């Protein structure tokens, strides 16, 4: 008999032998003080023993090829060995497991943030990291790679900065000093909440938001959340909403639906959620700024038990869709977790409005905790409106937990808003430095027409050319002999397209008399040169490729040969080197792969 054929039954049995689900792997953290749910796959009818430390249980694989069992709760500790059938997980710890999910601002890596060096150097003991591969699935799955790792400079570089900052802040609680912590990063940039639902959206079809890559509802739950549902968790952090900000009217219900779906999937009906409110941002989706989505996030928390809001509008200047100030967001989330879930007594909740009453031409507001002015001498961030619905800035006087408002332009105030708009200019906090939840007492339809500040612009002039940058980190003008070669106005200048509009390179560093760096998280544009030429360097430190667009004035003719374009306007010519392609009549595109840089040289 052919020996290879004789081995086939044995090989098949080995391939289908009972094993743990991939999330139960070496280096992992299991949830302390709760019954341990363990699961895996195998041959239907197969009996196996599951053992962790001194505990063991016997179970059987069901007709669908799945098995599960429950062990008694363990206190914090380890390391242990976990065995089940033919699989073994070493270096298993018992502690607190936190799920950290959302879109790009949750995905943003430690190496990209403002305090990267400090965070990369931190080495708290007994912390493990798990990052789910980004990808969807048409149906729920358990399989997929899942590797738990210890934190070091390499494993932290692209690990969620918010999740890591949260973990570091948890370690500041003395009672958690020796409790192992597991941080699970399941995030995917450019995605709407619909993709993370376990069930179809319960809102009208016209209110559904789309994700990048044409992801349908439920696909990210199937591919990134369902595989980790066998793992009991202490709670979940959710930082998402940018992709849904064009339809804020649906978001509160969708977010509540997601929390219900996940709680059912985890068999944890009181699973804590920490909803990270969107920070300040100057941009708009469908004509709406983020204030309306923030309102929906707050509403979802108010209407859901064991869900808390993390207020963040004061953590950034508002000119960056992916702000680098993630450390404070992690700290505020950890303060809430330490109080609401772990039972520590400390100020952590954002102040909230409790009541409003009118006395003559004044509005008296009462908050649920005392407030202080964090900057300046007088409270700001309040606007009042009368029956005409026209809002005016209010004068405010603070007395502990009470704020008294009035405006010379509003004799009979009807409504008040606080910290409202794309970039709230408010200066009140509680004793922990946490600002009040933004609010409004009116029910007027969304309207985002508002004056807002802009960052500084710069200009470089030489005898041969003049270059100007705009408010949001774009080159808005390049003139030779007084003739503009770059288009001005809407759609002009340089930009990097995203689903949320042009990416703002609004962090500006003057790095020398003739060197300006415009940047945003993983992307930078360095402008330099000499009297005769202008050199632009586009650097992309992210994983994904980008397209850098240059919109030319319609009066400019273009002759593109290879990577060199000759531009001509009214008898004046400019050569540009480093172009990848042309889009239409008046747009040049420079393609920059991930972790690469591309030079663009203008030669007047």
Protein backbone atom coordinates (compact mmCIF):
# COMPACT_ATOMS: atom_id res chain seq x y z
CA UNK A 1 0.00 0.00 0.00
CA UNK A 2 1.24 3.48 -0.80
CA UNK A 3 2.61 4.89 2.46
CA UNK A 4 1.49 8.45 1.54
CA UNK A 5 -2.09 7.23 1.08
CA UNK A 6 -1.97 5.43 4.43
CA UNK A 7 -1.03 8.69 6.15
CA UNK A 8 -3.97 10.67 4.73
CA UNK A 9 -6.53 9.76 7.46
CA UNK A 10 -4.01 10.59 10.16
CA UNK A 11 -3.15 13.90 8.45
CA UNK A 12 -6.82 14.84 8.15
CA UNK A 13 -7.43 14.07 11.82
CA UNK A 14 -4.41 16.17 12.78
CA UNK A 15 -5.55 19.11 10.68
CA UNK A 16 -9.01 19.07 12.27
CA UNK A 17 -7.93 18.28 15.83
CA UNK A 18 -9.47 20.42 18.57
CA UNK A 19 -7.68 23.74 18.98
CA UNK A 20 -8.20 27.09 20.69
CA UNK A 21 -9.58 30.07 18.79
CA UNK A 22 -6.70 32.22 17.49
CA UNK A 23 -7.35 35.00 20.02
CA UNK A 24 -6.30 32.55 22.78
CA UNK A 25 -2.59 32.50 22.05
CA UNK A 26 0.74 32.76 23.86
CA UNK A 27 1.40 36.02 25.66
CA UNK A 28 -2.29 36.84 26.02
CA UNK A 29 -4.18 38.43 28.90
CA UNK A 30 -7.46 36.92 30.16
CA UNK A 31 -10.01 38.90 32.16
CA UNK A 32 -9.65 38.57 35.94
CA UNK A 33 -12.44 38.06 38.47
CA UNK A 34 -14.95 36.82 35.86
CA UNK A 35 -15.75 33.30 34.64
CA UNK A 36 -13.35 32.49 31.83
CA UNK A 37 -15.10 31.65 28.56
CA UNK A 38 -12.83 29.61 26.30
CA UNK A 39 -13.63 28.29 22.85
CA UNK A 40 -12.23 26.80 19.69
CA UNK A 41 -12.84 24.36 16.85
CA UNK A 42 -12.35 20.68 16.12
CA UNK A 43 -13.90 17.51 14.78
CA UNK A 44 -17.62 17.16 15.59
CA UNK A 45 -18.07 14.75 18.49
CA UNK A 46 -14.46 15.03 19.66
CA UNK A 47 -13.94 15.23 23.42
CA UNK A 48 -11.14 17.38 24.81
CA UNK A 49 -9.74 18.62 28.09
CA UNK A 50 -9.15 22.33 28.64
CA UNK A 51 -6.70 23.24 31.39
CA UNK A 52 -5.49 26.55 32.83
CA UNK A 53 -3.24 26.34 35.86
CA UNK A 54 -4.86 23.93 38.33
CA UNK A 55 -8.31 24.21 36.76
CA UNK A 56 -9.59 21.94 34.04
CA UNK A 57 -12.84 21.11 32.25
CA UNK A 58 -13.94 18.53 29.70
CA UNK A 59 -16.06 19.52 26.74
CA UNK A 60 -17.16 18.19 23.35
CA UNK A 61 -17.02 19.64 19.85
CA UNK A 62 -20.55 20.26 18.55
CA UNK A 63 -21.97 19.34 15.14
CA UNK A 64 -20.78 22.68 13.70
CA UNK A 65 -17.17 21.99 14.64
CA UNK A 66 -17.21 24.39 17.58
CA UNK A 67 -16.50 23.83 21.26
CA UNK A 68 -16.69 26.05 24.31
CA UNK A 69 -16.33 25.80 28.05
CA UNK A 70 -16.18 28.01 31.12
CA UNK A 71 -13.61 27.96 33.91
CA UNK A 72 -14.02 29.61 37.29
CA UNK A 73 -12.76 33.15 37.74
CA UNK A 74 -9.07 33.75 38.45
CA UNK A 75 -7.57 36.68 40.37
CA UNK A 76 -4.90 38.82 38.73
CA UNK A 77 -1.66 36.94 38.24
CA UNK A 78 0.36 34.62 36.05
CA UNK A 79 2.02 33.45 33.98
CA UNK A 80 0.01 30.30 33.25
CA UNK A 81 -0.10 27.66 30.56
CA UNK A 82 -3.40 27.12 28.74
CA UNK A 83 -3.98 23.83 26.93
CA UNK A 84 -6.97 22.64 24.91
CA UNK A 85 -6.82 19.56 22.72
CA UNK A 86 -3.78 19.86 20.51
CA UNK A 87 -3.07 23.55 21.19
CA UNK A 88 -1.07 25.20 23.94
CA UNK A 89 -0.71 28.87 24.88
CA UNK A 90 2.26 29.84 27.03
CA UNK A 91 2.89 32.96 29.11
CA UNK A 92 -0.80 33.57 29.81
CA UNK A 93 -1.67 36.33 32.27
CA UNK A 94 -4.84 37.16 34.17
CA UNK A 95 -5.68 40.86 34.43
CA UNK A 96 -7.84 43.49 32.67
CA UNK A 97 -8.54 43.37 28.94
CA UNK A 98 -9.59 46.56 27.13
CA UNK A 99 -10.92 46.69 23.57
CA UNK A 100 -9.91 49.85 21.66
CA UNK A 101 -11.75 50.36 18.37
CA UNK A 102 -12.77 53.01 15.86
CA UNK A 103 -11.36 54.67 12.77
CA UNK A 104 -8.16 56.56 11.93
CA UNK A 105 -7.79 58.57 15.12
CA UNK A 106 -7.89 55.34 17.13
CA UNK A 107 -5.64 53.64 14.58
CA UNK A 108 -3.01 56.44 14.68
CA UNK A 109 0.27 54.96 15.89
CA UNK A 110 2.40 55.97 18.86
CA UNK A 111 5.26 57.11 16.62
CA UNK A 112 2.97 59.73 15.03
CA UNK A 113 1.92 61.65 18.15
CA UNK A 114 3.28 64.71 19.88
CA UNK A 115 4.71 62.81 22.87
CA UNK A 116 5.99 59.88 20.80
CA UNK A 117 9.46 59.72 22.31
CA UNK A 118 8.16 59.58 25.88
CA UNK A 119 5.46 57.02 25.05
CA UNK A 120 7.80 54.78 23.06
CA UNK A 121 10.27 54.75 25.95
CA UNK A 122 7.67 53.77 28.58
CA UNK A 123 7.94 50.14 29.71
CA UNK A 124 5.25 49.30 32.26
CA UNK A 125 5.43 45.69 33.35
CA UNK A 126 2.88 43.00 32.50
CA UNK A 127 1.24 44.78 29.56
CA UNK A 128 0.43 42.92 26.36
CA UNK A 129 -0.74 44.26 22.98
CA UNK A 130 -2.93 42.67 20.33
CA UNK A 131 -3.59 44.34 16.96
CA UNK A 132 -6.27 42.85 14.72
CA UNK A 133 -5.36 42.77 11.02
CA UNK A 134 -7.46 45.35 9.16
CA UNK A 135 -10.02 43.72 6.92
CA UNK A 136 -13.66 42.76 6.60
CA UNK A 137 -15.62 39.58 5.98
CA UNK A 138 -19.01 38.79 4.49
CA UNK A 139 -19.98 36.61 7.45
CA UNK A 140 -18.83 36.33 11.08
CA UNK A 141 -15.59 34.43 11.48
CA UNK A 142 -13.38 33.20 14.30
CA UNK A 143 -10.25 32.46 12.29
CA UNK A 144 -7.50 34.96 11.59
CA UNK A 145 -4.03 35.78 12.88
CA UNK A 146 -3.84 37.07 16.44
CA UNK A 147 -0.42 37.65 17.98
CA UNK A 148 -0.05 39.05 21.47
CA UNK A 149 3.20 40.95 21.95
CA UNK A 150 5.02 42.79 24.70
CA UNK A 151 5.50 46.55 24.22
CA UNK A 152 8.81 47.76 22.83
CA UNK A 153 9.89 50.44 20.37
CA UNK A 154 9.01 48.21 17.42
CA UNK A 155 5.65 46.84 18.55
CA UNK A 156 4.51 50.24 19.83
CA UNK A 157 5.42 52.28 16.74
CA UNK A 158 2.18 51.56 14.88
CA UNK A 159 0.08 50.49 17.88
CA UNK A 160 -2.89 52.74 18.73
CA UNK A 161 -1.57 55.84 20.53
CA UNK A 162 -4.88 56.39 22.33
CA UNK A 163 -4.92 52.78 23.54
CA UNK A 164 -1.30 52.95 24.73
CA UNK A 165 -1.83 56.32 26.44
CA UNK A 166 -4.88 54.83 28.14
CA UNK A 167 -2.83 51.87 29.37
CA UNK A 168 -0.06 54.12 30.70
CA UNK A 169 -2.59 56.24 32.59
CA UNK A 170 -4.18 53.13 34.13
CA UNK A 171 -0.80 52.27 35.59
CA UNK A 172 -0.95 55.51 37.59
CA UNK A 173 -3.59 53.88 39.80
CA UNK A 174 -1.56 52.25 42.65
CA UNK A 175 -4.12 49.46 42.98
CA UNK A 176 -3.41 48.44 39.37
CA UNK A 177 0.38 48.46 39.67
CA UNK A 178 0.59 44.66 39.54
CA UNK A 179 -2.53 43.90 37.47
CA UNK A 180 -1.64 42.68 33.96
CA UNK A 181 -3.23 44.77 31.21
CA UNK A 182 -4.21 43.58 27.75
CA UNK A 183 -4.85 46.24 25.10
CA UNK A 184 -6.67 45.05 21.97
CA UNK A 185 -6.48 47.38 18.96
CA UNK A 186 -9.27 46.76 16.42
CA UNK A 187 -9.35 49.96 14.36
CA UNK A 188 -9.59 50.86 10.69
CA UNK A 189 -9.26 54.37 9.25
CA UNK A 190 -11.92 55.90 7.03
CA UNK A 191 -14.72 53.63 8.26
CA UNK A 192 -18.28 54.44 9.27
CA UNK A 193 -20.01 52.93 12.31
CA UNK A 194 -22.31 50.92 10.01
CA UNK A 195 -19.38 48.64 9.09
CA UNK A 196 -18.87 47.80 12.78
CA UNK A 197 -22.47 46.73 13.45
CA UNK A 198 -23.32 43.06 13.93
CA UNK A 199 -26.76 43.64 12.37
CA UNK A 200 -28.13 45.76 9.55
CA UNK A 201 -28.49 49.51 10.34
CA UNK A 202 -31.79 50.43 12.00
CA UNK A 203 -32.03 53.84 10.32
CA UNK A 204 -33.47 55.01 6.98
CA UNK A 205 -31.32 54.07 4.00
CA UNK A 206 -30.72 57.70 3.04
CA UNK A 207 -29.11 58.34 6.45
CA UNK A 208 -26.52 55.57 6.12
CA UNK A 209 -22.90 56.71 5.77
CA UNK A 210 -20.36 54.89 3.64
CA UNK A 211 -16.85 53.77 4.50
CA UNK A 212 -13.75 53.94 2.38
CA UNK A 213 -13.13 50.92 0.16
CA UNK A 214 -16.95 50.59 -0.30
CA UNK A 215 -17.33 48.59 2.89
CA UNK A 216 -20.88 47.38 3.47
CA UNK A 217 -22.56 47.34 6.89
CA UNK A 218 -21.38 44.57 9.27
CA UNK A 219 -18.20 43.64 7.34
CA UNK A 220 -15.78 44.97 9.94
CA UNK A 221 -17.74 43.43 12.78
CA UNK A 222 -17.51 40.11 10.94
CA UNK A 223 -13.81 40.41 10.18
CA UNK A 224 -12.33 42.29 13.15
CA UNK A 225 -14.75 42.16 16.10
CA UNK A 226 -16.36 38.72 15.93
CA UNK A 227 -12.97 36.93 16.07
CA UNK A 228 -12.30 38.44 19.52
CA UNK A 229 -15.78 38.03 21.02
CA UNK A 230 -14.71 34.80 22.80
CA UNK A 231 -12.35 36.99 24.86
CA UNK A 232 -14.09 38.51 27.89
CA UNK A 233 -13.18 42.19 28.24
CA UNK A 234 -13.24 44.76 31.01
CA UNK A 235 -14.61 47.46 28.70
CA UNK A 236 -14.38 49.11 25.29
CA UNK A 237 -13.00 52.43 24.02
CA UNK A 238 -14.69 53.78 20.86
CA UNK A 239 -13.11 56.67 18.91
CA UNK A 240 -15.04 57.12 15.67
CA UNK A 241 -17.54 59.41 14.02
CA UNK A 242 -15.66 61.41 11.41
CA UNK A 243 -17.04 59.25 8.59
CA UNK A 244 -20.58 59.68 9.95
CA UNK A 245 -20.45 63.42 10.58
CA UNK A 246 -22.39 64.18 7.42
CA UNK A 247 -25.45 62.41 8.89
CA UNK A 248 -25.47 63.28 12.60
CA UNK A 249 -29.23 62.76 12.82
CA UNK A 250 -28.70 58.97 12.57
CA UNK A 251 -25.54 58.55 14.60
CA UNK A 252 -26.96 58.35 18.14
CA UNK A 253 -29.20 55.43 17.17
CA UNK A 254 -26.43 53.71 15.18
CA UNK A 255 -23.96 54.03 18.05
CA UNK A 256 -26.50 52.64 20.52
CA UNK A 257 -27.21 49.79 18.10
CA UNK A 258 -23.50 48.98 17.95
CA UNK A 259 -23.22 48.91 21.73
CA UNK A 260 -26.24 46.58 21.95
CA UNK A 261 -24.79 44.32 19.23
CA UNK A 262 -21.42 44.04 20.92
CA UNK A 263 -22.88 43.42 24.36
CA UNK A 264 -24.95 40.56 22.97
CA UNK A 265 -21.95 39.12 21.14
CA UNK A 266 -19.80 39.22 24.27
CA UNK A 267 -22.62 38.00 26.57
CA UNK A 268 -21.84 41.07 28.69
CA UNK A 269 -25.09 43.08 28.96
CA UNK A 270 -23.39 45.76 31.09
CA UNK A 271 -20.16 45.94 29.09
CA UNK A 272 -18.71 49.42 29.74
CA UNK A 273 -18.20 51.74 26.77
CA UNK A 274 -16.10 54.91 26.72
CA UNK A 275 -17.14 57.05 23.76
CA UNK A 276 -14.39 59.48 22.78
CA UNK A 277 -16.05 62.63 21.50
CA UNK A 278 -14.63 64.15 18.32
CA UNK A 279 -12.14 66.96 18.96
CA UNK A 280 -12.10 70.40 17.36
CA UNK A 281 -11.76 70.37 13.57
CA UNK A 282 -12.22 73.13 11.02
CA UNK A 283 -13.53 70.91 8.23
CA UNK A 284 -17.05 69.94 7.22
CA UNK A 285 -18.77 66.88 5.81
CA UNK A 286 -21.95 67.48 3.80
CA UNK A 287 -21.69 71.10 4.95
CA UNK A 288 -21.76 70.20 8.66
CA UNK A 289 -19.01 70.62 11.24
CA UNK A 290 -18.30 68.13 14.02
CA UNK A 291 -20.44 69.89 16.67
CA UNK A 292 -23.55 68.06 15.46
CA UNK A 293 -21.86 64.67 15.60
CA UNK A 294 -20.54 65.49 19.09
CA UNK A 295 -24.14 66.12 20.12
CA UNK A 296 -25.14 62.69 18.81
CA UNK A 297 -22.28 61.04 20.71
CA UNK A 298 -23.39 62.74 23.93
CA UNK A 299 -27.01 61.71 23.31
CA UNK A 300 -26.03 58.07 22.83
CA UNK A 301 -24.20 58.07 26.16
CA UNK A 302 -27.08 59.77 27.96
CA UNK A 303 -29.51 57.15 26.65
CA UNK A 304 -27.29 54.12 27.33
CA UNK A 305 -26.41 52.67 30.71
CA UNK A 306 -22.73 52.06 31.39
CA UNK A 307 -21.62 54.36 28.57
CA UNK A 308 -19.51 57.43 29.33
CA UNK A 309 -18.45 60.38 27.19
CA UNK A 310 -14.80 61.49 26.92
CA UNK A 311 -14.78 65.21 26.04
CA UNK A 312 -11.83 66.27 23.85
CA UNK A 313 -12.65 69.51 21.97
CA UNK A 314 -9.94 71.43 23.87
CA UNK A 315 -7.06 69.03 23.13
CA UNK A 316 -6.11 70.44 19.71
CA UNK A 317 -6.21 73.69 17.74
CA UNK A 318 -8.72 72.23 15.28
CA UNK A 319 -6.73 72.44 12.05
CA UNK A 320 -5.79 68.77 11.83
CA UNK A 321 -8.20 65.91 11.14
CA UNK A 322 -5.69 63.60 12.81
CA UNK A 323 -4.43 65.64 15.77
CA UNK A 324 -1.22 64.50 17.37
CA UNK A 325 -2.34 65.31 20.92
CA UNK A 326 -3.44 61.79 21.86
CA UNK A 327 -1.83 61.47 25.30
CA UNK A 328 -4.44 63.65 27.03
CA UNK A 329 -7.28 61.73 25.39
CA UNK A 330 -5.91 58.49 26.78
CA UNK A 331 -5.53 60.08 30.22
CA UNK A 332 -9.12 61.34 30.34
CA UNK A 333 -10.46 57.97 29.24
CA UNK A 334 -8.41 56.23 31.91
CA UNK A 335 -9.71 58.62 34.59
CA UNK A 336 -13.26 57.62 33.68
CA UNK A 337 -12.38 53.92 33.67
CA UNK A 338 -10.63 54.15 37.02
CA UNK A 339 -13.69 55.76 38.60
CA UNK A 340 -16.66 54.20 36.82
CA UNK A 341 -15.36 50.66 36.29
CA UNK A 342 -12.52 50.16 38.77
CA UNK A 343 -14.11 52.06 41.65
CA UNK A 344 -11.42 54.65 42.36
CA UNK A 345 -12.63 57.94 43.87
CA UNK A 346 -11.35 60.80 41.71
CA UNK A 347 -12.79 63.54 39.47
CA UNK A 348 -13.21 62.13 35.99
CA UNK A 349 -16.62 63.04 34.56
CA UNK A 350 -16.91 66.04 32.28
CA UNK A 351 -19.16 68.69 33.90
CA UNK A 352 -22.72 68.70 32.54
CA UNK A 353 -25.49 71.24 32.49
CA UNK A 354 -28.14 70.49 35.13
CA UNK A 355 -30.63 73.36 34.87
CA UNK A 356 -31.39 76.70 33.19
CA UNK A 357 -33.67 79.47 34.41
CA UNK A 358 -34.29 83.05 33.34
CA UNK A 359 -34.15 86.14 35.52
CA UNK A 360 -35.04 89.29 33.55
CA UNK A 361 -32.50 89.50 30.71
CA UNK A 362 -30.13 86.95 32.26
CA UNK A 363 -29.84 83.19 31.97
CA UNK A 364 -28.67 81.28 35.05
CA UNK A 365 -27.01 77.94 34.32
CA UNK A 366 -26.26 75.33 36.98
CA UNK A 367 -23.70 72.57 36.35
CA UNK A 368 -23.31 69.30 38.22
CA UNK A 369 -19.90 70.27 39.64
CA UNK A 370 -17.84 73.40 40.34
CA UNK A 371 -16.03 75.01 37.43
CA UNK A 372 -12.87 77.08 37.07
CA UNK A 373 -11.59 79.37 34.33
CA UNK A 374 -8.61 77.63 32.73
CA UNK A 375 -7.36 80.55 30.61
CA UNK A 376 -7.90 84.29 31.01
CA UNK A 377 -10.11 85.93 33.59
CA UNK A 378 -13.69 85.49 32.40
CA UNK A 379 -15.62 82.46 31.17
CA UNK A 380 -16.18 82.25 27.43
CA UNK A 381 -17.71 79.84 24.96
CA UNK A 382 -21.37 80.79 25.57
CA UNK A 383 -23.73 82.24 22.96
CA UNK A 384 -27.32 83.41 23.48
CA UNK A 385 -30.28 83.81 21.13
CA UNK A 386 -33.73 85.34 21.41
CA UNK A 387 -36.84 84.24 19.56
CA UNK A 388 -35.28 85.28 16.25
CA UNK A 389 -32.73 82.46 16.59
CA UNK A 390 -29.78 84.78 15.98
CA UNK A 391 -26.96 83.91 18.38
CA UNK A 392 -24.63 86.45 20.01
CA UNK A 393 -21.65 86.00 22.28
CA UNK A 394 -22.61 86.24 25.93
CA UNK A 395 -20.92 87.87 28.89
CA UNK A 396 -20.49 85.27 31.62
CA UNK A 397 -19.93 85.41 35.37
CA UNK A 398 -18.89 82.26 37.23
CA UNK A 399 -19.89 81.41 40.82
CA UNK A 400 -18.77 77.86 41.59
CA UNK A 401 -21.19 75.61 39.72
CA UNK A 402 -23.34 78.49 38.45
CA UNK A 403 -22.78 80.64 35.37
CA UNK A 404 -24.82 83.82 34.79
CA UNK A 405 -25.14 84.93 31.16
CA UNK A 406 -26.33 88.08 29.44
CA UNK A 407 -25.86 89.87 26.13
CA UNK A 408 -26.56 93.48 25.20
CA UNK A 409 -27.89 92.18 21.88
CA UNK A 410 -30.40 89.73 23.42
CA UNK A 411 -33.01 91.28 25.73
CA UNK A 412 -35.13 88.17 26.08
CA UNK A 413 -32.80 85.13 25.91
CA UNK A 414 -34.48 81.91 24.84
CA UNK A 415 -31.62 79.58 24.05
CA UNK A 416 -27.99 79.05 24.98
CA UNK A 417 -25.20 77.09 23.38
CA UNK A 418 -21.84 76.25 24.89
CA UNK A 419 -18.63 75.10 23.15
CA UNK A 420 -20.54 74.85 19.89
CA UNK A 421 -19.06 74.97 16.42
CA UNK A 422 -16.11 73.41 14.60
CA UNK A 423 -13.45 74.92 16.89
CA UNK A 424 -15.01 75.70 20.28
CA UNK A 425 -13.44 78.66 22.08
CA UNK A 426 -14.32 77.75 25.67
CA UNK A 427 -12.19 78.05 28.79
CA UNK A 428 -14.04 76.29 31.62
CA UNK A 429 -12.93 73.02 33.25
CA UNK A 430 -13.40 71.06 36.44
CA UNK A 431 -10.63 70.41 38.99
CA UNK A 432 -9.18 67.63 36.81
CA UNK A 433 -8.82 69.94 33.78
CA UNK A 434 -11.76 68.36 31.95
CA UNK A 435 -14.09 70.81 30.12
CA UNK A 436 -17.89 70.65 30.24
CA UNK A 437 -19.85 68.64 27.71
CA UNK A 438 -20.86 70.88 24.75
CA UNK A 439 -24.58 71.57 24.75
CA UNK A 440 -27.41 73.58 23.28
CA UNK A 441 -30.91 74.18 24.64
CA UNK A 442 -32.48 74.90 21.24
CA UNK A 443 -33.76 72.43 18.65
CA UNK A 444 -32.95 74.49 15.57
CA UNK A 445 -31.88 72.54 12.46
CA UNK A 446 -28.13 72.04 11.91
CA UNK A 447 -26.31 75.04 10.53
CA UNK A 448 -22.52 75.32 10.37
CA UNK A 449 -22.13 78.83 8.99
CA UNK A 450 -19.69 80.40 11.45
CA UNK A 451 -16.58 82.56 11.45
CA UNK A 452 -13.59 80.60 12.70
CA UNK A 453 -9.86 81.31 13.18
CA UNK A 454 -7.26 80.20 10.68
CA UNK A 455 -3.58 79.41 11.18
CA UNK A 456 -0.81 81.67 9.93
CA UNK A 457 0.13 82.01 6.25
CA UNK A 458 3.67 82.48 4.94
CA UNK A 459 5.33 84.01 1.89
CA UNK A 460 8.76 83.56 0.29
CA UNK A 461 9.82 86.05 -2.40
CA UNK A 462 12.92 85.90 -4.61
CA UNK A 463 13.86 87.90 -7.70
CA UNK A 464 12.46 85.10 -9.88
CA UNK A 465 9.36 83.82 -8.07
CA UNK A 466 7.01 84.33 -5.13
CA UNK A 467 5.48 81.46 -3.14
CA UNK A 468 2.64 81.74 -0.62
CA UNK A 469 1.10 79.22 1.75
CA UNK A 470 -2.51 79.34 2.86
CA UNK A 471 -4.33 78.97 6.11
CA UNK A 472 -4.60 75.19 6.16
CA UNK A 473 -1.12 74.17 5.12
CA UNK A 474 -1.43 74.38 1.33
CA UNK A 475 0.64 76.23 -1.24
CA UNK A 476 -1.90 78.74 -2.51
CA UNK A 477 0.20 80.79 -4.91
CA UNK A 478 3.29 80.42 -7.08
CA UNK A 479 3.98 83.45 -9.25
CA UNK A 480 6.70 84.05 -11.82
CA UNK A 481 7.11 87.57 -13.19
CA UNK A 482 3.83 88.44 -11.48
CA UNK A 483 1.91 85.71 -13.32
CA UNK A 484 0.11 83.11 -11.13
CA UNK A 485 0.74 79.49 -12.08
CA UNK A 486 -1.25 77.90 -9.24
CA UNK A 487 -5.02 78.33 -9.15
CA UNK A 488 -6.50 80.37 -6.31
CA UNK A 489 -9.90 80.13 -4.69
CA UNK A 490 -11.97 77.00 -3.99
CA UNK A 491 -10.37 73.89 -5.44
CA UNK A 492 -7.08 75.67 -6.04
CA UNK A 493 -3.64 75.35 -4.50
CA UNK A 494 -2.16 72.06 -3.37
CA UNK A 495 -4.03 69.36 -1.52
CA UNK A 496 -4.08 65.70 -0.52
CA UNK A 497 -7.60 64.31 -1.01
CA UNK A 498 -9.38 62.28 1.69
CA UNK A 499 -13.02 61.24 2.11
CA UNK A 500 -13.35 64.19 4.51
CA UNK A 501 -11.98 66.81 2.17
CA UNK A 502 -8.39 67.99 1.69
CA UNK A 503 -5.94 66.87 4.34
CA UNK A 504 -4.78 69.86 6.38
CA UNK A 505 -1.01 70.19 6.78
CA UNK A 506 -1.58 72.91 9.34
CA UNK A 507 1.25 72.23 11.78
CA UNK A 508 3.86 74.79 10.71
CA UNK A 509 7.56 74.96 11.59
CA UNK A 510 9.85 77.71 10.28
CA UNK A 511 13.02 75.62 10.14
CA UNK A 512 15.28 78.35 8.81
CA UNK A 513 15.15 81.57 6.79
CA UNK A 514 14.37 79.64 3.60
CA UNK A 515 12.84 76.44 4.95
CA UNK A 516 9.18 75.90 5.95
CA UNK A 517 7.69 72.56 7.06
CA UNK A 518 3.94 71.98 6.87
CA UNK A 519 2.79 68.71 8.43
CA UNK A 520 -0.02 66.57 9.79
CA UNK A 521 0.68 63.30 11.64
CA UNK A 522 2.42 61.11 9.03
CA UNK A 523 2.63 63.58 6.12
CA UNK A 524 4.81 66.64 5.67
CA UNK A 525 5.56 69.16 2.93
CA UNK A 526 8.94 70.86 3.19
CA UNK A 527 9.34 74.04 1.14
CA UNK A 528 12.87 75.20 0.50
CA UNK A 529 15.10 76.34 -2.36
CA UNK A 530 17.23 79.22 -3.45
CA UNK A 531 16.87 82.35 -5.55
CA UNK A 532 16.57 80.36 -8.79
CA UNK A 533 14.61 77.22 -7.89
CA UNK A 534 11.96 76.09 -5.41
CA UNK A 535 12.24 72.59 -3.97
CA UNK A 536 9.22 70.86 -2.41
CA UNK A 537 9.64 67.57 -0.55
CA UNK A 538 6.53 65.51 0.18
CA UNK A 539 7.24 62.91 2.88
CA UNK A 540 4.80 60.12 3.67
CA UNK A 541 5.61 58.23 6.87
CA UNK A 542 2.31 56.34 6.82
CA UNK A 543 1.67 52.88 5.47
CA UNK A 544 -0.74 53.89 2.72
CA UNK A 545 0.18 55.76 -0.50
CA UNK A 546 -0.98 59.34 -1.02
CA UNK A 547 -1.64 61.58 -4.01
CA UNK A 548 -0.35 65.15 -3.78
CA UNK A 549 -2.38 67.41 -6.11
CA UNK A 550 -1.28 70.70 -7.64
CA UNK A 551 -4.15 72.70 -9.15
CA UNK A 552 -2.85 74.99 -11.88
CA UNK A 553 -4.43 78.24 -13.01
CA UNK A 554 -6.72 77.58 -16.01
CA UNK A 555 -4.65 80.00 -18.11
CA UNK A 556 -1.57 77.74 -17.80
CA UNK A 557 -0.80 75.30 -20.62
CA UNK A 558 0.86 72.00 -19.69
CA UNK A 559 3.30 69.84 -21.66
CA UNK A 560 4.03 66.67 -19.60
CA UNK A 561 6.80 64.36 -20.76
CA UNK A 562 7.68 61.56 -18.36
CA UNK A 563 8.03 63.12 -14.91
CA UNK A 564 8.77 66.64 -16.17
CA UNK A 565 6.08 69.21 -16.93
CA UNK A 566 6.65 72.44 -18.83
CA UNK A 567 4.13 75.10 -17.82
CA UNK A 568 3.56 78.19 -19.95
CA UNK A 569 1.50 81.29 -19.32
CA UNK A 570 1.53 84.42 -21.44
CA UNK A 571 5.05 83.73 -22.73
CA UNK A 572 6.48 82.86 -19.30
CA UNK A 573 7.58 79.27 -18.67
CA UNK A 574 8.24 77.14 -15.59
CA UNK A 575 9.57 73.59 -15.48
CA UNK A 576 8.44 71.16 -12.77
CA UNK A 577 10.30 67.91 -12.12
CA UNK A 578 8.88 64.98 -10.12
CA UNK A 579 5.35 64.77 -11.53
CA UNK A 580 3.63 61.36 -11.64
CA UNK A 581 0.64 62.11 -13.85
CA UNK A 582 -1.82 64.69 -15.09
CA UNK A 583 -5.50 64.75 -14.14
CA UNK A 584 -7.63 66.69 -16.57
CA UNK A 585 -6.42 69.94 -18.06
CA UNK A 586 -5.12 71.73 -14.98
CA UNK A 587 -4.16 69.30 -12.19
CA UNK A 588 -0.80 67.61 -11.66
CA UNK A 589 -0.47 64.65 -9.32
CA UNK A 590 2.58 63.46 -7.42
CA UNK A 591 2.23 59.92 -6.06
CA UNK A 592 4.09 59.11 -2.84
CA UNK A 593 4.14 55.51 -1.58
CA UNK A 594 4.03 54.69 2.11
CA UNK A 595 7.27 55.35 4.00
CA UNK A 596 8.71 57.31 1.09
CA UNK A 597 9.41 60.87 -0.03
CA UNK A 598 9.19 62.63 -3.37
CA UNK A 599 10.94 65.80 -4.52
CA UNK A 600 9.16 68.36 -6.68
CA UNK A 601 11.48 70.94 -8.19
CA UNK A 602 10.16 74.18 -9.71
CA UNK A 603 12.59 75.85 -12.13
CA UNK A 604 11.33 79.28 -13.32
